[in-house]
Amino acid sequence: MRYPTLLAAAFVAVLGIGPVAAEEHGTNPPRQHWSFAGVFGKFDEAQLQRGFQVYKEVCSSCHSMKLVRFRNLSEEGGPGFSAAQVKALAESYQIKDENDKGDVIERPGRPADAFPPLHPNEKAAAAAHGGKAPPDFSVLAKARTYERGFPAFVFDALPFTGYSEQGVDYIHALMIGYGDPPEGKEVPDGVYYNKYYPQGQVIAMPPPLSDGAVTYAKNDKGEPVVPETVDQYARDVAAFMAWAAEPHMMARKALGFQVILFLIVLSGLLYYVKKQIWKRIGGEVHGLQPELHKTS
């Protein structure tokens, strides 16, 4: 009788259900709809601009983005800033560099420069933020993920219809997951309850966003183009982080589509050539058969 019990326990473990799993690993983020998901997905330029605004006004006070260069903001497939805007943005930063004598100096940033780090090293960053350095934003959208369990992860891995935006879903969920802990859940001083945070559902980072914290562009009626809410801020900055992690995603998808078309055409040509060659060889062999009968 113990085998059905063991089988049920294994089934629960595989699916990741049960109160213990939820308590220790957090709630799985809900899947969102992203314009850049899928084979033909592409970034929403306006959303990337709003996401950069959220990063610059809120997130950049703690998180660096040292693998992204200012010029990336004006490249095709990105936020679509003009060259003049990128130059002005770069010049608003002070970059540490060396002069001809090898002395360390500070100069205004250039479009070719990367976003400068907030602290000279990780130890300094940890000391300034309560003992733990905030992660860099450059590839965070690719580094974060979560397991959806069986059989969902099988469909996520499919080549053309799969889903690879789990990291962006997690970032969005984390931003909106703050709240009061459920009854019986103790939250120590200095940390915050977040139902989507995987490590015990308590996180040291305070809620970074609040309704109305960032002022978006207005339309002709003086109203925000999109709602100035935590959910919208989280959605926009998560999309921007997805772009920062892979600025050339749209070019990669376009190239991949072209390669697939080329391989399809090439396969057809090879099949046609193969049929022609073997048709000729088959005809020559068939023509030799009477001669073979005579000699035999």
C-alpha atoms as a PDB file:
ATOM      1  CA  MET A   1       0.000   0.000   0.000  1.00  0.00           C
ATOM      2  CA  ARG A   2       2.919   2.314   0.335  1.00  0.00           C
ATOM      3  CA  TYR A   3       3.544   2.534  -3.412  1.00  0.00           C
ATOM      4  CA  PRO A   4       0.454   4.636  -4.206  1.00  0.00           C
ATOM      5  CA  THR A   5       1.428   6.979  -1.382  1.00  0.00           C
ATOM      6  CA  LEU A   6       4.961   7.354  -2.702  1.00  0.00           C
ATOM      7  CA  LEU A   7       3.623   7.883  -6.216  1.00  0.00           C
ATOM      8  CA  ALA A   8       1.277  10.636  -5.008  1.00  0.00           C
ATOM      9  CA  ALA A   9       4.104  12.323  -3.123  1.00  0.00           C
ATOM     10  CA  ALA A  10       6.325  12.229  -6.193  1.00  0.00           C
ATOM     11  CA  PHE A  11       3.485  13.635  -8.310  1.00  0.00           C
ATOM     12  CA  VAL A  12       3.038  16.534  -5.888  1.00  0.00           C
ATOM     13  CA  ALA A  13       6.785  17.201  -5.842  1.00  0.00           C
ATOM     14  CA  VAL A  14       7.042  17.231  -9.623  1.00  0.00           C
ATOM     15  CA  LEU A  15       4.156  19.603 -10.079  1.00  0.00           C
ATOM     16  CA  GLY A  16       5.483  21.881  -7.366  1.00  0.00           C
ATOM     17  CA  ILE A  17       2.180  22.080  -5.527  1.00  0.00           C
ATOM     18  CA  GLY A  18       1.472  21.994  -1.832  1.00  0.00           C
ATOM     19  CA  PRO A  19       1.692  24.497   1.018  1.00  0.00           C
ATOM     20  CA  VAL A  20       5.294  23.695   1.898  1.00  0.00           C
ATOM     21  CA  ALA A  21       6.543  24.381  -1.635  1.00  0.00           C
ATOM     22  CA  ALA A  22       4.623  27.641  -1.818  1.00  0.00           C
ATOM     23  CA  GLU A  23       5.904  28.727   1.573  1.00  0.00           C
ATOM     24  CA  GLU A  24       9.561  28.099   0.807  1.00  0.00           C
ATOM     25  CA  HIS A  25       9.774  28.969  -2.883  1.00  0.00           C
ATOM     26  CA  GLY A  26       7.105  31.605  -3.349  1.00  0.00           C
ATOM     27  CA  THR A  27       4.196  31.710  -5.747  1.00  0.00           C
ATOM     28  CA  ASN A  28       4.938  31.191  -9.422  1.00  0.00           C
ATOM     29  CA  PRO A  29       4.506  34.460 -11.338  1.00  0.00           C
ATOM     30  CA  PRO A  30       1.532  34.573 -13.715  1.00  0.00           C
ATOM     31  CA  ARG A  31       2.359  34.553 -17.396  1.00  0.00           C
ATOM     32  CA  GLN A  32       2.099  37.960 -19.037  1.00  0.00           C
ATOM     33  CA  HIS A  33       1.562  39.028 -22.627  1.00  0.00           C
ATOM     34  CA  TRP A  34       4.706  40.617 -24.081  1.00  0.00           C
ATOM     35  CA  SER A  35       4.973  42.157 -27.526  1.00  0.00           C
ATOM     36  CA  PHE A  36       8.476  40.681 -27.949  1.00  0.00           C
ATOM     37  CA  ALA A  37       7.515  37.090 -27.131  1.00  0.00           C
ATOM     38  CA  GLY A  38       7.497  34.436 -29.823  1.00  0.00           C
ATOM     39  CA  VAL A  39       9.274  34.002 -33.124  1.00  0.00           C
ATOM     40  CA  PHE A  40       7.795  37.153 -34.676  1.00  0.00           C
ATOM     41  CA  GLY A  41       7.721  39.256 -31.507  1.00  0.00           C
ATOM     42  CA  LYS A  42       9.265  42.709 -31.415  1.00  0.00           C
ATOM     43  CA  PHE A  43       9.855  45.380 -28.803  1.00  0.00           C
ATOM     44  CA  ASP A  44       7.396  48.218 -28.332  1.00  0.00           C
ATOM     45  CA  GLU A  45       9.522  51.364 -28.773  1.00  0.00           C
ATOM     46  CA  ALA A  46       7.255  53.538 -26.631  1.00  0.00           C
ATOM     47  CA  GLN A  47       7.269  50.943 -23.856  1.00  0.00           C
ATOM     48  CA  LEU A  48      11.067  50.767 -23.908  1.00  0.00           C
ATOM     49  CA  GLN A  49      11.267  54.546 -23.570  1.00  0.00           C
ATOM     50  CA  ARG A  50       8.930  54.462 -20.579  1.00  0.00           C
ATOM     51  CA  GLY A  51      10.894  51.572 -19.097  1.00  0.00           C
ATOM     52  CA  PHE A  52      14.128  53.499 -19.412  1.00  0.00           C
ATOM     53  CA  GLN A  53      12.466  56.449 -17.693  1.00  0.00           C
ATOM     54  CA  VAL A  54      11.475  54.212 -14.775  1.00  0.00           C
ATOM     55  CA  TYR A  55      14.990  52.800 -14.601  1.00  0.00           C
ATOM     56  CA  LYS A  56      16.638  56.216 -14.696  1.00  0.00           C
ATOM     57  CA  GLU A  57      14.325  57.878 -12.173  1.00  0.00           C
ATOM     58  CA  VAL A  58      13.885  54.981  -9.751  1.00  0.00           C
ATOM     59  CA  CYS A  59      16.012  51.891 -10.294  1.00  0.00           C
ATOM     60  CA  SER A  60      19.336  53.542 -11.206  1.00  0.00           C
ATOM     61  CA  SER A  61      19.776  54.827  -7.662  1.00  0.00           C
ATOM     62  CA  CYS A  62      20.642  51.253  -6.612  1.00  0.00           C
ATOM     63  CA  HIS A  63      21.161  49.145  -9.734  1.00  0.00           C
ATOM     64  CA  SER A  64      23.883  49.704 -12.319  1.00  0.00           C
ATOM     65  CA  MET A  65      23.697  48.656 -15.978  1.00  0.00           C
ATOM     66  CA  LYS A  66      27.352  48.502 -16.911  1.00  0.00           C
ATOM     67  CA  LEU A  67      27.075  46.172 -19.931  1.00  0.00           C
ATOM     68  CA  VAL A  68      24.798  48.535 -21.881  1.00  0.00           C
ATOM     69  CA  ARG A  69      26.275  51.429 -23.850  1.00  0.00           C
ATOM     70  CA  PHE A  70      24.597  54.774 -24.379  1.00  0.00           C
ATOM     71  CA  ARG A  71      24.656  54.331 -28.164  1.00  0.00           C
ATOM     72  CA  ASN A  72      22.549  51.160 -27.837  1.00  0.00           C
ATOM     73  CA  LEU A  73      19.601  53.397 -26.966  1.00  0.00           C
ATOM     74  CA  SER A  74      19.588  54.809 -30.506  1.00  0.00           C
ATOM     75  CA  GLU A  75      20.175  51.548 -32.382  1.00  0.00           C
ATOM     76  CA  GLU A  76      17.473  49.836 -34.415  1.00  0.00           C
ATOM     77  CA  GLY A  77      15.215  47.591 -32.400  1.00  0.00           C
ATOM     78  CA  GLY A  78      15.688  49.596 -29.196  1.00  0.00           C
ATOM     79  CA  PRO A  79      14.036  52.555 -27.472  1.00  0.00           C
ATOM     80  CA  GLY A  80      14.578  54.691 -30.578  1.00  0.00           C
ATOM     81  CA  PHE A  81      16.248  57.715 -29.017  1.00  0.00           C
ATOM     82  CA  SER A  82      17.883  60.131 -31.453  1.00  0.00           C
ATOM     83  CA  ALA A  83      21.639  60.574 -31.673  1.00  0.00           C
ATOM     84  CA  ALA A  84      21.309  64.034 -30.100  1.00  0.00           C
ATOM     85  CA  GLN A  85      19.327  62.638 -27.175  1.00  0.00           C
ATOM     86  CA  VAL A  86      21.892  59.895 -26.601  1.00  0.00           C
ATOM     87  CA  LYS A  87      24.759  62.386 -26.724  1.00  0.00           C
ATOM     88  CA  ALA A  88      23.049  64.665 -24.197  1.00  0.00           C
ATOM     89  CA  LEU A  89      22.303  61.705 -21.940  1.00  0.00           C
ATOM     90  CA  ALA A  90      25.885  60.454 -22.099  1.00  0.00           C
ATOM     91  CA  GLU A  91      27.265  63.894 -21.258  1.00  0.00           C
ATOM     92  CA  SER A  92      25.151  63.998 -18.109  1.00  0.00           C
ATOM     93  CA  TYR A  93      27.303  61.178 -16.665  1.00  0.00           C
ATOM     94  CA  GLN A  94      30.871  61.464 -15.412  1.00  0.00           C
ATOM     95  CA  ILE A  95      33.142  58.695 -16.672  1.00  0.00           C
ATOM     96  CA  LYS A  96      36.430  57.740 -15.044  1.00  0.00           C
ATOM     97  CA  ASP A  97      39.199  57.519 -17.624  1.00  0.00           C
ATOM     98  CA  GLU A  98      42.964  57.910 -18.008  1.00  0.00           C
ATOM     99  CA  ASN A  99      44.754  60.784 -19.679  1.00  0.00           C
ATOM    100  CA  ASP A 100      47.920  60.551 -21.753  1.00  0.00           C
ATOM    101  CA  LYS A 101      50.000  60.493 -18.572  1.00  0.00           C
ATOM    102  CA  GLY A 102      48.070  57.589 -17.070  1.00  0.00           C
ATOM    103  CA  ASP A 103      46.360  59.734 -14.454  1.00  0.00           C
ATOM    104  CA  VAL A 104      42.770  58.896 -13.548  1.00  0.00           C
ATOM    105  CA  ILE A 105      40.436  61.698 -14.570  1.00  0.00           C
ATOM    106  CA  GLU A 106      36.713  62.277 -14.890  1.00  0.00           C
ATOM    107  CA  ARG A 107      35.201  63.395 -18.162  1.00  0.00           C
ATOM    108  CA  PRO A 108      31.706  63.731 -19.621  1.00  0.00           C
ATOM    109  CA  GLY A 109      30.363  60.537 -21.080  1.00  0.00           C
ATOM    110  CA  ARG A 110      30.327  59.727 -24.791  1.00  0.00           C
ATOM    111  CA  PRO A 111      27.806  57.640 -26.738  1.00  0.00           C
ATOM    112  CA  ALA A 112      30.371  54.824 -26.993  1.00  0.00           C
ATOM    113  CA  ASP A 113      30.721  54.608 -23.202  1.00  0.00           C
ATOM    114  CA  ALA A 114      28.846  52.099 -21.071  1.00  0.00           C
ATOM    115  CA  PHE A 115      26.639  53.201 -18.221  1.00  0.00           C
ATOM    116  CA  PRO A 116      29.102  53.753 -15.365  1.00  0.00           C
ATOM    117  CA  PRO A 117      28.849  51.569 -12.244  1.00  0.00           C
ATOM    118  CA  LEU A 118      27.429  53.199  -9.144  1.00  0.00           C
ATOM    119  CA  HIS A 119      30.218  51.896  -6.909  1.00  0.00           C
ATOM    120  CA  PRO A 120      33.912  51.131  -7.520  1.00  0.00           C
ATOM    121  CA  ASN A 121      33.501  47.458  -6.583  1.00  0.00           C
ATOM    122  CA  GLU A 122      31.036  44.929  -5.204  1.00  0.00           C
ATOM    123  CA  LYS A 123      32.193  45.329  -1.605  1.00  0.00           C
ATOM    124  CA  ALA A 124      31.512  49.050  -1.722  1.00  0.00           C
ATOM    125  CA  ALA A 125      28.085  48.366  -3.241  1.00  0.00           C
ATOM    126  CA  ALA A 126      27.287  45.855  -0.498  1.00  0.00           C
ATOM    127  CA  ALA A 127      28.396  48.251   2.231  1.00  0.00           C
ATOM    128  CA  ALA A 128      26.145  50.966   0.818  1.00  0.00           C
ATOM    129  CA  HIS A 129      23.077  48.694   0.661  1.00  0.00           C
ATOM    130  CA  GLY A 130      22.897  46.865   3.949  1.00  0.00           C
ATOM    131  CA  GLY A 131      25.477  44.186   3.283  1.00  0.00           C
ATOM    132  CA  LYS A 132      24.326  42.893  -0.121  1.00  0.00           C
ATOM    133  CA  ALA A 133      25.176  44.443  -3.479  1.00  0.00           C
ATOM    134  CA  PRO A 134      22.138  45.025  -5.727  1.00  0.00           C
ATOM    135  CA  PRO A 135      22.400  42.977  -8.930  1.00  0.00           C
ATOM    136  CA  ASP A 136      23.383  44.667 -12.157  1.00  0.00           C
ATOM    137  CA  PHE A 137      20.453  45.260 -14.511  1.00  0.00           C
ATOM    138  CA  SER A 138      22.300  44.392 -17.734  1.00  0.00           C
ATOM    139  CA  VAL A 139      21.339  40.727 -18.069  1.00  0.00           C
ATOM    140  CA  LEU A 140      19.041  40.286 -15.081  1.00  0.00           C
ATOM    141  CA  ALA A 141      16.030  39.496 -17.276  1.00  0.00           C
ATOM    142  CA  LYS A 142      17.909  36.481 -18.664  1.00  0.00           C
ATOM    143  CA  ALA A 143      19.430  35.433 -15.348  1.00  0.00           C
ATOM    144  CA  ARG A 144      16.121  35.186 -13.470  1.00  0.00           C
ATOM    145  CA  THR A 145      13.643  32.410 -14.134  1.00  0.00           C
ATOM    146  CA  TYR A 146      11.342  29.941 -12.395  1.00  0.00           C
ATOM    147  CA  GLU A 147      10.148  26.394 -12.911  1.00  0.00           C
ATOM    148  CA  ARG A 148       6.563  25.900 -14.071  1.00  0.00           C
ATOM    149  CA  GLY A 149       6.631  22.163 -13.490  1.00  0.00           C
ATOM    150  CA  PHE A 150       5.432  19.268 -15.611  1.00  0.00           C
ATOM    151  CA  PRO A 151       3.973  19.318 -18.237  1.00  0.00           C
ATOM    152  CA  ALA A 152       4.136  23.107 -18.718  1.00  0.00           C
ATOM    153  CA  PHE A 153       7.926  23.226 -19.050  1.00  0.00           C
ATOM    154  CA  VAL A 154       7.734  20.791 -21.976  1.00  0.00           C
ATOM    155  CA  PHE A 155       5.624  23.227 -23.994  1.00  0.00           C
ATOM    156  CA  ASP A 156       7.893  26.142 -22.987  1.00  0.00           C
ATOM    157  CA  ALA A 157      10.840  24.350 -24.611  1.00  0.00           C
ATOM    158  CA  LEU A 158       9.222  23.870 -28.023  1.00  0.00           C
ATOM    159  CA  PRO A 159      11.258  25.569 -30.790  1.00  0.00           C
ATOM    160  CA  PHE A 160       8.593  27.703 -32.501  1.00  0.00           C
ATOM    161  CA  THR A 161       5.721  27.926 -30.029  1.00  0.00           C
ATOM    162  CA  GLY A 162       7.734  27.848 -26.810  1.00  0.00           C
ATOM    163  CA  TYR A 163       7.994  30.540 -24.170  1.00  0.00           C
ATOM    164  CA  SER A 164      11.248  32.034 -22.881  1.00  0.00           C
ATOM    165  CA  GLU A 165      10.025  35.146 -21.051  1.00  0.00           C
ATOM    166  CA  GLN A 166       9.923  33.594 -17.571  1.00  0.00           C
ATOM    167  CA  GLY A 167      12.565  36.051 -16.354  1.00  0.00           C
ATOM    168  CA  VAL A 168      10.524  39.063 -17.458  1.00  0.00           C
ATOM    169  CA  ASP A 169       7.408  37.576 -15.852  1.00  0.00           C
ATOM    170  CA  TYR A 170       9.340  37.144 -12.620  1.00  0.00           C
ATOM    171  CA  ILE A 171      10.610  40.744 -12.620  1.00  0.00           C
ATOM    172  CA  HIS A 172       7.133  42.125 -13.219  1.00  0.00           C
ATOM    173  CA  ALA A 173       5.634  39.897 -10.533  1.00  0.00           C
ATOM    174  CA  LEU A 174       8.315  40.825  -8.011  1.00  0.00           C
ATOM    175  CA  MET A 175       7.580  44.535  -8.467  1.00  0.00           C
ATOM    176  CA  ILE A 176       3.855  44.048  -7.774  1.00  0.00           C
ATOM    177  CA  GLY A 177       4.195  41.239  -5.217  1.00  0.00           C
ATOM    178  CA  TYR A 178       4.687  43.378  -2.111  1.00  0.00           C
ATOM    179  CA  GLY A 179       1.930  43.380   0.478  1.00  0.00           C
ATOM    180  CA  ASP A 180       0.895  42.363   3.944  1.00  0.00           C
ATOM    181  CA  PRO A 181       1.957  38.850   4.937  1.00  0.00           C
ATOM    182  CA  PRO A 182      -0.762  36.230   5.390  1.00  0.00           C
ATOM    183  CA  GLU A 183      -1.917  35.268   8.829  1.00  0.00           C
ATOM    184  CA  GLY A 184       0.728  33.235  10.643  1.00  0.00           C
ATOM    185  CA  LYS A 185       3.601  34.452   8.442  1.00  0.00           C
ATOM    186  CA  GLU A 186       6.262  36.254  10.463  1.00  0.00           C
ATOM    187  CA  VAL A 187       8.379  38.863   8.696  1.00  0.00           C
ATOM    188  CA  PRO A 188      11.554  39.984  10.544  1.00  0.00           C
ATOM    189  CA  ASP A 189      12.401  43.642  10.918  1.00  0.00           C
ATOM    190  CA  GLY A 190      14.275  45.162   8.004  1.00  0.00           C
ATOM    191  CA  VAL A 191      12.773  42.886   5.338  1.00  0.00           C
ATOM    192  CA  TYR A 192       9.515  42.894   3.407  1.00  0.00           C
ATOM    193  CA  TYR A 193       6.957  40.296   2.436  1.00  0.00           C
ATOM    194  CA  ASN A 194       6.739  39.506  -1.271  1.00  0.00           C
ATOM    195  CA  LYS A 195       4.677  36.504  -2.322  1.00  0.00           C
ATOM    196  CA  TYR A 196       6.690  36.024  -5.513  1.00  0.00           C
ATOM    197  CA  TYR A 197      10.155  36.132  -3.961  1.00  0.00           C
ATOM    198  CA  PRO A 198      11.503  32.564  -3.948  1.00  0.00           C
ATOM    199  CA  GLN A 199      13.601  32.681  -0.769  1.00  0.00           C
ATOM    200  CA  GLY A 200      11.035  32.407   1.994  1.00  0.00           C
ATOM    201  CA  GLN A 201       8.857  35.166   0.495  1.00  0.00           C
ATOM    202  CA  VAL A 202      10.825  37.851   2.374  1.00  0.00           C
ATOM    203  CA  ILE A 203      13.078  40.315   0.570  1.00  0.00           C
ATOM    204  CA  ALA A 204      15.480  43.000   1.790  1.00  0.00           C
ATOM    205  CA  MET A 205      14.648  45.440  -1.019  1.00  0.00           C
ATOM    206  CA  PRO A 206      11.828  47.818  -0.043  1.00  0.00           C
ATOM    207  CA  PRO A 207       8.980  48.349  -2.523  1.00  0.00           C
ATOM    208  CA  PRO A 208      10.658  50.442  -5.234  1.00  0.00           C
ATOM    209  CA  LEU A 209       7.513  51.624  -7.006  1.00  0.00           C
ATOM    210  CA  SER A 210       4.333  53.406  -6.043  1.00  0.00           C
ATOM    211  CA  ASP A 211       1.418  54.822  -7.994  1.00  0.00           C
ATOM    212  CA  GLY A 212       2.296  58.194  -9.488  1.00  0.00           C
ATOM    213  CA  ALA A 213       6.012  57.896  -8.705  1.00  0.00           C
ATOM    214  CA  VAL A 214       7.005  58.464 -12.343  1.00  0.00           C
ATOM    215  CA  THR A 215       5.323  61.070 -14.554  1.00  0.00           C
ATOM    216  CA  TYR A 216       4.755  59.751 -18.060  1.00  0.00           C
ATOM    217  CA  ALA A 217       4.211  61.779 -21.209  1.00  0.00           C
ATOM    218  CA  LYS A 218       0.760  63.270 -21.654  1.00  0.00           C
ATOM    219  CA  ASN A 219      -1.570  63.220 -24.640  1.00  0.00           C
ATOM    220  CA  ASP A 220      -3.330  66.209 -26.190  1.00  0.00           C
ATOM    221  CA  LYS A 221      -5.881  66.221 -23.375  1.00  0.00           C
ATOM    222  CA  GLY A 222      -3.187  66.382 -20.707  1.00  0.00           C
ATOM    223  CA  GLU A 223      -3.786  62.799 -19.604  1.00  0.00           C
ATOM    224  CA  PRO A 224      -1.050  60.142 -19.266  1.00  0.00           C
ATOM    225  CA  VAL A 225      -0.699  57.940 -22.335  1.00  0.00           C
ATOM    226  CA  VAL A 226      -0.732  54.874 -20.073  1.00  0.00           C
ATOM    227  CA  PRO A 227      -1.751  54.503 -16.408  1.00  0.00           C
ATOM    228  CA  GLU A 228       0.826  55.714 -13.888  1.00  0.00           C
ATOM    229  CA  THR A 229       0.433  52.667 -11.686  1.00  0.00           C
ATOM    230  CA  VAL A 230       2.789  50.149 -10.104  1.00  0.00           C
ATOM    231  CA  ASP A 231       1.625  47.455 -12.513  1.00  0.00           C
ATOM    232  CA  GLN A 232       2.348  49.633 -15.561  1.00  0.00           C
ATOM    233  CA  TYR A 233       5.716  50.795 -14.210  1.00  0.00           C
ATOM    234  CA  ALA A 234       6.691  47.178 -13.505  1.00  0.00           C
ATOM    235  CA  ARG A 235       5.576  46.071 -16.948  1.00  0.00           C
ATOM    236  CA  ASP A 236       7.523  48.847 -18.689  1.00  0.00           C
ATOM    237  CA  VAL A 237      10.766  48.455 -16.751  1.00  0.00           C
ATOM    238  CA  ALA A 238      10.628  44.654 -17.156  1.00  0.00           C
ATOM    239  CA  ALA A 239      10.327  45.079 -20.932  1.00  0.00           C
ATOM    240  CA  PHE A 240      13.246  47.521 -20.883  1.00  0.00           C
ATOM    241  CA  MET A 241      15.329  45.019 -18.932  1.00  0.00           C
ATOM    242  CA  ALA A 242      14.494  42.349 -21.502  1.00  0.00           C
ATOM    243  CA  TRP A 243      15.845  44.660 -24.197  1.00  0.00           C
ATOM    244  CA  ALA A 244      18.940  45.532 -22.128  1.00  0.00           C
ATOM    245  CA  ALA A 245      19.720  41.828 -21.763  1.00  0.00           C
ATOM    246  CA  GLU A 246      19.494  41.320 -25.539  1.00  0.00           C
ATOM    247  CA  PRO A 247      19.586  44.630 -27.467  1.00  0.00           C
ATOM    248  CA  HIS A 248      19.871  42.870 -30.835  1.00  0.00           C
ATOM    249  CA  MET A 249      17.005  40.420 -30.298  1.00  0.00           C
ATOM    250  CA  MET A 250      14.953  41.636 -33.264  1.00  0.00           C
ATOM    251  CA  ALA A 251      17.962  41.409 -35.595  1.00  0.00           C
ATOM    252  CA  ARG A 252      18.625  37.877 -34.312  1.00  0.00           C
ATOM    253  CA  LYS A 253      15.038  36.822 -34.971  1.00  0.00           C
ATOM    254  CA  ALA A 254      15.098  38.344 -38.461  1.00  0.00           C
ATOM    255  CA  LEU A 255      18.358  36.570 -39.277  1.00  0.00           C
ATOM    256  CA  GLY A 256      17.040  33.284 -37.921  1.00  0.00           C
ATOM    257  CA  PHE A 257      13.908  33.569 -40.059  1.00  0.00           C
ATOM    258  CA  GLN A 258      16.039  34.247 -43.152  1.00  0.00           C
ATOM    259  CA  VAL A 259      18.253  31.252 -42.388  1.00  0.00           C
ATOM    260  CA  ILE A 260      15.212  28.995 -42.030  1.00  0.00           C
ATOM    261  CA  LEU A 261      13.838  30.166 -45.391  1.00  0.00           C
ATOM    262  CA  PHE A 262      17.243  29.607 -46.981  1.00  0.00           C
ATOM    263  CA  LEU A 263      17.442  26.080 -45.571  1.00  0.00           C
ATOM    264  CA  ILE A 264      13.939  25.285 -46.840  1.00  0.00           C
ATOM    265  CA  VAL A 265      14.850  26.458 -50.367  1.00  0.00           C
ATOM    266  CA  LEU A 266      18.197  24.657 -50.204  1.00  0.00           C
ATOM    267  CA  SER A 267      16.485  21.425 -49.106  1.00  0.00           C
ATOM    268  CA  GLY A 268      14.131  21.665 -52.059  1.00  0.00           C
ATOM    269  CA  LEU A 269      16.997  22.216 -54.505  1.00  0.00           C
ATOM    270  CA  LEU A 270      18.989  19.313 -53.054  1.00  0.00           C
ATOM    271  CA  TYR A 271      15.977  17.041 -53.317  1.00  0.00           C
ATOM    272  CA  TYR A 272      15.457  18.071 -56.960  1.00  0.00           C
ATOM    273  CA  VAL A 273      19.140  17.499 -57.806  1.00  0.00           C
ATOM    274  CA  LYS A 274      19.081  14.133 -56.064  1.00  0.00           C
ATOM    275  CA  LYS A 275      16.017  13.049 -58.086  1.00  0.00           C
ATOM    276  CA  GLN A 276      17.646  14.120 -61.362  1.00  0.00           C
ATOM    277  CA  ILE A 277      20.922  12.339 -60.628  1.00  0.00           C
ATOM    278  CA  TRP A 278      19.313   9.097 -59.556  1.00  0.00           C
ATOM    279  CA  LYS A 279      16.874   9.266 -62.452  1.00  0.00           C
ATOM    280  CA  ARG A 280      19.806   9.353 -64.870  1.00  0.00           C
ATOM    281  CA  ILE A 281      21.692   6.622 -63.028  1.00  0.00           C
ATOM    282  CA  GLY A 282      18.551   4.480 -62.940  1.00  0.00           C
ATOM    283  CA  GLY A 283      18.080   4.942 -66.707  1.00  0.00           C
ATOM    284  CA  GLU A 284      21.681   3.906 -67.437  1.00  0.00           C
ATOM    285  CA  VAL A 285      21.353   0.791 -65.271  1.00  0.00           C
ATOM    286  CA  HIS A 286      18.057  -0.110 -66.972  1.00  0.00           C
ATOM    287  CA  GLY A 287      19.691   0.275 -70.414  1.00  0.00           C
ATOM    288  CA  LEU A 288      22.510  -2.105 -69.454  1.00  0.00           C
ATOM    289  CA  GLN A 289      20.162  -4.893 -68.394  1.00  0.00           C
ATOM    290  CA  PRO A 290      19.645  -6.375 -71.972  1.00  0.00           C
ATOM    291  CA  GLU A 291      23.413  -6.503 -72.506  1.00  0.00           C
ATOM    292  CA  LEU A 292      23.850  -8.288 -69.191  1.00  0.00           C
ATOM    293  CA  HIS A 293      21.256 -10.910 -70.231  1.00  0.00           C
ATOM    294  CA  LYS A 294      23.063 -11.535 -73.562  1.00  0.00           C
ATOM    295  CA  THR A 295      26.406 -12.101 -71.910  1.00  0.00           C
ATOM    296  CA  SER A 296      24.896 -14.431 -69.364  1.00  0.00           C
END
